[in-house]
Amino acid sequence: PNLMKDAVTVSWLYLIPGNGTSVP
């Protein structure tokens, strides 16, 4: 199925770590 109207498909995903207020 083609999801492009609703979503992007990714080859990788990395998060900036923290507790919500760690990186102002």
PDB file of all heavy atoms in Angstrom:
ATOM      1  N   PRO A   1       0.834  -1.210   0.000  1.00  0.00           N
ATOM      2  CA  PRO A   1       0.000   0.000   0.000  1.00  0.00           C
ATOM      3  C   PRO A   1       0.867   1.258   0.000  1.00  0.00           C
ATOM      4  O   PRO A   1       2.025   1.220   0.422  1.00  0.00           O
ATOM      5  CB  PRO A   1      -0.767  -0.124   1.326  1.00  0.00           C
ATOM      6  CG  PRO A   1       0.173  -0.878   2.214  1.00  0.00           C
ATOM      7  CD  PRO A   1       0.864  -1.862   1.326  1.00  0.00           C
ATOM      8  N   ASN A   2       0.314   2.348  -0.458  1.00  0.00           N
ATOM      9  CA  ASN A   2       1.035   3.616  -0.517  1.00  0.00           C
ATOM     10  C   ASN A   2       0.555   4.501   0.637  1.00  0.00           C
ATOM     11  O   ASN A   2      -0.588   4.954   0.646  1.00  0.00           O
ATOM     12  CB  ASN A   2       0.794   4.305  -1.865  1.00  0.00           C
ATOM     13  CG  ASN A   2       1.695   5.514  -2.053  1.00  0.00           C
ATOM     14  OD1 ASN A   2       2.218   6.090  -1.104  1.00  0.00           O
ATOM     15  ND2 ASN A   2       1.887   5.904  -3.306  1.00  0.00           N
ATOM     16  N   LEU A   3       1.420   4.733   1.606  1.00  0.00           N
ATOM     17  CA  LEU A   3       1.063   5.509   2.800  1.00  0.00           C
ATOM     18  C   LEU A   3       1.479   6.970   2.715  1.00  0.00           C
ATOM     19  O   LEU A   3       1.296   7.726   3.669  1.00  0.00           O
ATOM     20  CB  LEU A   3       1.721   4.900   4.046  1.00  0.00           C
ATOM     21  CG  LEU A   3       1.425   3.448   4.382  1.00  0.00           C
ATOM     22  CD1 LEU A   3       2.100   3.083   5.697  1.00  0.00           C
ATOM     23  CD2 LEU A   3      -0.064   3.184   4.449  1.00  0.00           C
ATOM     24  N   MET A   4       2.033   7.381   1.575  1.00  0.00           N
ATOM     25  CA  MET A   4       2.687   8.679   1.527  1.00  0.00           C
ATOM     26  C   MET A   4       1.761   9.848   1.839  1.00  0.00           C
ATOM     27  O   MET A   4       2.196  10.877   2.341  1.00  0.00           O
ATOM     28  CB  MET A   4       3.360   8.881   0.170  1.00  0.00           C
ATOM     29  CG  MET A   4       4.387   9.997   0.168  1.00  0.00           C
ATOM     30  SD  MET A   4       5.393  10.001  -1.314  1.00  0.00           S
ATOM     31  CE  MET A   4       6.289   8.464  -1.134  1.00  0.00           C
ATOM     32  N   LYS A   5       0.499   9.721   1.571  1.00  0.00           N
ATOM     33  CA  LYS A   5      -0.447  10.795   1.889  1.00  0.00           C
ATOM     34  C   LYS A   5      -0.482  11.058   3.384  1.00  0.00           C
ATOM     35  O   LYS A   5      -0.700  12.204   3.816  1.00  0.00           O
ATOM     36  CB  LYS A   5      -1.854  10.420   1.392  1.00  0.00           C
ATOM     37  CG  LYS A   5      -2.946  11.417   1.777  1.00  0.00           C
ATOM     38  CD  LYS A   5      -4.304  10.987   1.264  1.00  0.00           C
ATOM     39  CE  LYS A   5      -4.870   9.806   2.039  1.00  0.00           C
ATOM     40  NZ  LYS A   5      -5.286  10.178   3.432  1.00  0.00           N
ATOM     41  N   ASP A   6      -0.244  10.012   4.170  1.00  0.00           N
ATOM     42  CA  ASP A   6      -0.396  10.101   5.617  1.00  0.00           C
ATOM     43  C   ASP A   6       0.899   9.956   6.402  1.00  0.00           C
ATOM     44  O   ASP A   6       0.936  10.279   7.592  1.00  0.00           O
ATOM     45  CB  ASP A   6      -1.363   9.018   6.109  1.00  0.00           C
ATOM     46  CG  ASP A   6      -2.735   9.142   5.484  1.00  0.00           C
ATOM     47  OD1 ASP A   6      -3.275  10.257   5.482  1.00  0.00           O
ATOM     48  OD2 ASP A   6      -3.257   8.119   4.994  1.00  0.00           O
ATOM     49  N   ALA A   7       1.968   9.463   5.764  1.00  0.00           N
ATOM     50  CA  ALA A   7       3.151   9.109   6.547  1.00  0.00           C
ATOM     51  C   ALA A   7       4.414   9.171   5.706  1.00  0.00           C
ATOM     52  O   ALA A   7       4.368   9.144   4.471  1.00  0.00           O
ATOM     53  CB  ALA A   7       2.991   7.706   7.134  1.00  0.00           C
ATOM     54  N   VAL A   8       5.552   9.256   6.398  1.00  0.00           N
ATOM     55  CA  VAL A   8       6.860   9.107   5.762  1.00  0.00           C
ATOM     56  C   VAL A   8       7.464   7.788   6.252  1.00  0.00           C
ATOM     57  O   VAL A   8       7.276   7.406   7.409  1.00  0.00           O
ATOM     58  CB  VAL A   8       7.804  10.283   6.094  1.00  0.00           C
ATOM     59  CG1 VAL A   8       7.332  11.551   5.413  1.00  0.00           C
ATOM     60  CG2 VAL A   8       7.930  10.506   7.595  1.00  0.00           C
ATOM     61  N   THR A   9       8.157   7.116   5.368  1.00  0.00           N
ATOM     62  CA  THR A   9       8.821   5.861   5.713  1.00  0.00           C
ATOM     63  C   THR A   9      10.302   6.153   5.884  1.00  0.00           C
ATOM     64  O   THR A   9      10.896   6.867   5.077  1.00  0.00           O
ATOM     65  CB  THR A   9       8.598   4.807   4.628  1.00  0.00           C
ATOM     66  OG1 THR A   9       7.198   4.691   4.364  1.00  0.00           O
ATOM     67  CG2 THR A   9       9.134   3.459   5.051  1.00  0.00           C
ATOM     68  N   VAL A  10      10.912   5.612   6.949  1.00  0.00           N
ATOM     69  CA  VAL A  10      12.274   6.005   7.290  1.00  0.00           C
ATOM     70  C   VAL A  10      13.228   4.823   7.241  1.00  0.00           C
ATOM     71  O   VAL A  10      12.848   3.676   7.470  1.00  0.00           O
ATOM     72  CB  VAL A  10      12.332   6.657   8.689  1.00  0.00           C
ATOM     73  CG1 VAL A  10      11.469   7.921   8.707  1.00  0.00           C
ATOM     74  CG2 VAL A  10      11.883   5.702   9.796  1.00  0.00           C
ATOM     75  N   SER A  11      14.485   5.135   6.920  1.00  0.00           N
ATOM     76  CA  SER A  11      15.522   4.106   6.938  1.00  0.00           C
ATOM     77  C   SER A  11      16.265   4.091   8.268  1.00  0.00           C
ATOM     78  O   SER A  11      16.862   3.091   8.643  1.00  0.00           O
ATOM     79  CB  SER A  11      16.511   4.315   5.792  1.00  0.00           C
ATOM     80  OG  SER A  11      17.148   5.572   5.901  1.00  0.00           O
ATOM     81  N   TRP A  12      16.266   5.222   8.967  1.00  0.00           N
ATOM     82  CA  TRP A  12      16.779   5.240  10.334  1.00  0.00           C
ATOM     83  C   TRP A  12      16.125   6.343  11.140  1.00  0.00           C
ATOM     84  O   TRP A  12      15.583   7.301  10.592  1.00  0.00           O
ATOM     85  CB  TRP A  12      18.294   5.303  10.409  1.00  0.00           C
ATOM     86  CG  TRP A  12      19.030   6.347   9.613  1.00  0.00           C
ATOM     87  CD1 TRP A  12      19.786   6.128   8.512  1.00  0.00           C
ATOM     88  CD2 TRP A  12      19.124   7.764   9.884  1.00  0.00           C
ATOM     89  NE1 TRP A  12      20.356   7.303   8.061  1.00  0.00           N
ATOM     90  CE2 TRP A  12      19.961   8.326   8.888  1.00  0.00           C
ATOM     91  CE3 TRP A  12      18.603   8.605  10.849  1.00  0.00           C
ATOM     92  CZ2 TRP A  12      20.268   9.682   8.849  1.00  0.00           C
ATOM     93  CZ3 TRP A  12      18.900   9.976  10.809  1.00  0.00           C
ATOM     94  CH2 TRP A  12      19.727  10.486   9.818  1.00  0.00           C
ATOM     95  N   LEU A  13      16.196   6.183  12.485  1.00  0.00           N
ATOM     96  CA  LEU A  13      15.553   7.112  13.415  1.00  0.00           C
ATOM     97  C   LEU A  13      16.390   7.176  14.695  1.00  0.00           C
ATOM     98  O   LEU A  13      16.635   6.164  15.337  1.00  0.00           O
ATOM     99  CB  LEU A  13      14.135   6.647  13.731  1.00  0.00           C
ATOM    100  CG  LEU A  13      13.214   7.510  14.593  1.00  0.00           C
ATOM    101  CD1 LEU A  13      11.756   7.144  14.340  1.00  0.00           C
ATOM    102  CD2 LEU A  13      13.505   7.355  16.091  1.00  0.00           C
ATOM    103  N   TYR A  14      16.833   8.377  15.049  1.00  0.00           N
ATOM    104  CA  TYR A  14      17.622   8.611  16.262  1.00  0.00           C
ATOM    105  C   TYR A  14      16.987   9.746  17.061  1.00  0.00           C
ATOM    106  O   TYR A  14      16.568  10.762  16.491  1.00  0.00           O
ATOM    107  CB  TYR A  14      19.060   9.001  15.910  1.00  0.00           C
ATOM    108  CG  TYR A  14      19.882   7.884  15.320  1.00  0.00           C
ATOM    109  CD1 TYR A  14      19.728   7.495  14.001  1.00  0.00           C
ATOM    110  CD2 TYR A  14      20.833   7.218  16.089  1.00  0.00           C
ATOM    111  CE1 TYR A  14      20.488   6.487  13.445  1.00  0.00           C
ATOM    112  CE2 TYR A  14      21.607   6.196  15.550  1.00  0.00           C
ATOM    113  CZ  TYR A  14      21.421   5.835  14.228  1.00  0.00           C
ATOM    114  OH  TYR A  14      22.184   4.822  13.691  1.00  0.00           O
ATOM    115  N   LEU A  15      16.957   9.590  18.394  1.00  0.00           N
ATOM    116  CA  LEU A  15      16.379  10.598  19.277  1.00  0.00           C
ATOM    117  C   LEU A  15      17.450  11.408  19.998  1.00  0.00           C
ATOM    118  O   LEU A  15      18.502  10.872  20.356  1.00  0.00           O
ATOM    119  CB  LEU A  15      15.491   9.943  20.342  1.00  0.00           C
ATOM    120  CG  LEU A  15      13.988   9.903  20.087  1.00  0.00           C
ATOM    121  CD1 LEU A  15      13.691   8.947  18.946  1.00  0.00           C
ATOM    122  CD2 LEU A  15      13.256   9.477  21.344  1.00  0.00           C
ATOM    123  N   ILE A  16      17.148  12.696  20.222  1.00  0.00           N
ATOM    124  CA  ILE A  16      17.948  13.501  21.132  1.00  0.00           C
ATOM    125  C   ILE A  16      17.535  13.101  22.543  1.00  0.00           C
ATOM    126  O   ILE A  16      16.373  13.246  22.919  1.00  0.00           O
ATOM    127  CB  ILE A  16      17.705  14.998  20.902  1.00  0.00           C
ATOM    128  CG1 ILE A  16      18.153  15.392  19.489  1.00  0.00           C
ATOM    129  CG2 ILE A  16      18.439  15.838  21.949  1.00  0.00           C
ATOM    130  CD1 ILE A  16      17.841  16.831  19.119  1.00  0.00           C
ATOM    131  N   PRO A  17      18.451  12.561  23.349  1.00  0.00           N
ATOM    132  CA  PRO A  17      18.064  12.025  24.663  1.00  0.00           C
ATOM    133  C   PRO A  17      17.801  13.140  25.680  1.00  0.00           C
ATOM    134  O   PRO A  17      18.290  14.269  25.541  1.00  0.00           O
ATOM    135  CB  PRO A  17      19.275  11.187  25.068  1.00  0.00           C
ATOM    136  CG  PRO A  17      20.421  11.845  24.368  1.00  0.00           C
ATOM    137  CD  PRO A  17      19.885  12.363  23.062  1.00  0.00           C
ATOM    138  N   GLY A  18      17.027  12.800  26.713  1.00  0.00           N
ATOM    139  CA  GLY A  18      16.760  13.743  27.789  1.00  0.00           C
ATOM    140  C   GLY A  18      15.472  13.424  28.503  1.00  0.00           C
ATOM    141  O   GLY A  18      14.733  12.503  28.118  1.00  0.00           O
ATOM    142  N   ASN A  19      15.173  14.200  29.538  1.00  0.00           N
ATOM    143  CA  ASN A  19      13.978  13.958  30.340  1.00  0.00           C
ATOM    144  C   ASN A  19      12.839  14.912  30.010  1.00  0.00           C
ATOM    145  O   ASN A  19      11.836  14.943  30.718  1.00  0.00           O
ATOM    146  CB  ASN A  19      14.313  14.041  31.834  1.00  0.00           C
ATOM    147  CG  ASN A  19      14.821  15.425  32.237  1.00  0.00           C
ATOM    148  OD1 ASN A  19      14.703  16.380  31.479  1.00  0.00           O
ATOM    149  ND2 ASN A  19      15.389  15.527  33.426  1.00  0.00           N
ATOM    150  N   GLY A  20      12.990  15.694  28.971  1.00  0.00           N
ATOM    151  CA  GLY A  20      11.969  16.658  28.584  1.00  0.00           C
ATOM    152  C   GLY A  20      12.394  18.093  28.759  1.00  0.00           C
ATOM    153  O   GLY A  20      11.904  18.989  28.069  1.00  0.00           O
ATOM    154  N   THR A  21      13.331  18.330  29.675  1.00  0.00           N
ATOM    155  CA  THR A  21      13.863  19.676  29.884  1.00  0.00           C
ATOM    156  C   THR A  21      15.388  19.653  29.950  1.00  0.00           C
ATOM    157  O   THR A  21      16.008  20.537  30.535  1.00  0.00           O
ATOM    158  CB  THR A  21      13.298  20.292  31.182  1.00  0.00           C
ATOM    159  OG1 THR A  21      13.614  19.429  32.284  1.00  0.00           O
ATOM    160  CG2 THR A  21      11.797  20.487  31.089  1.00  0.00           C
ATOM    161  N   SER A  22      15.994  18.626  29.351  1.00  0.00           N
ATOM    162  CA  SER A  22      17.447  18.455  29.423  1.00  0.00           C
ATOM    163  C   SER A  22      18.195  19.266  28.365  1.00  0.00           C
ATOM    164  O   SER A  22      19.376  19.577  28.560  1.00  0.00           O
ATOM    165  CB  SER A  22      17.817  16.977  29.255  1.00  0.00           C
ATOM    166  OG  SER A  22      17.194  16.176  30.213  1.00  0.00           O
ATOM    167  N   VAL A  23      17.521  19.592  27.263  1.00  0.00           N
ATOM    168  CA  VAL A  23      18.204  20.262  26.157  1.00  0.00           C
ATOM    169  C   VAL A  23      17.462  21.550  25.797  1.00  0.00           C
ATOM    170  O   VAL A  23      16.724  21.612  24.810  1.00  0.00           O
ATOM    171  CB  VAL A  23      18.311  19.338  24.919  1.00  0.00           C
ATOM    172  CG1 VAL A  23      19.212  19.968  23.857  1.00  0.00           C
ATOM    173  CG2 VAL A  23      18.859  17.968  25.311  1.00  0.00           C
ATOM    174  N   PRO A  24      17.628  22.598  26.605  1.00  0.00           N
ATOM    175  CA  PRO A  24      16.972  23.869  26.278  1.00  0.00           C
ATOM    176  C   PRO A  24      17.676  24.560  25.111  1.00  0.00           C
ATOM    177  O   PRO A  24      18.906  24.618  25.065  1.00  0.00           O
ATOM    178  CB  PRO A  24      17.117  24.674  27.574  1.00  0.00           C
ATOM    179  CG  PRO A  24      18.352  24.133  28.217  1.00  0.00           C
ATOM    180  CD  PRO A  24      18.398  22.670  27.857  1.00  0.00           C
TER     181      PRO A  24
END
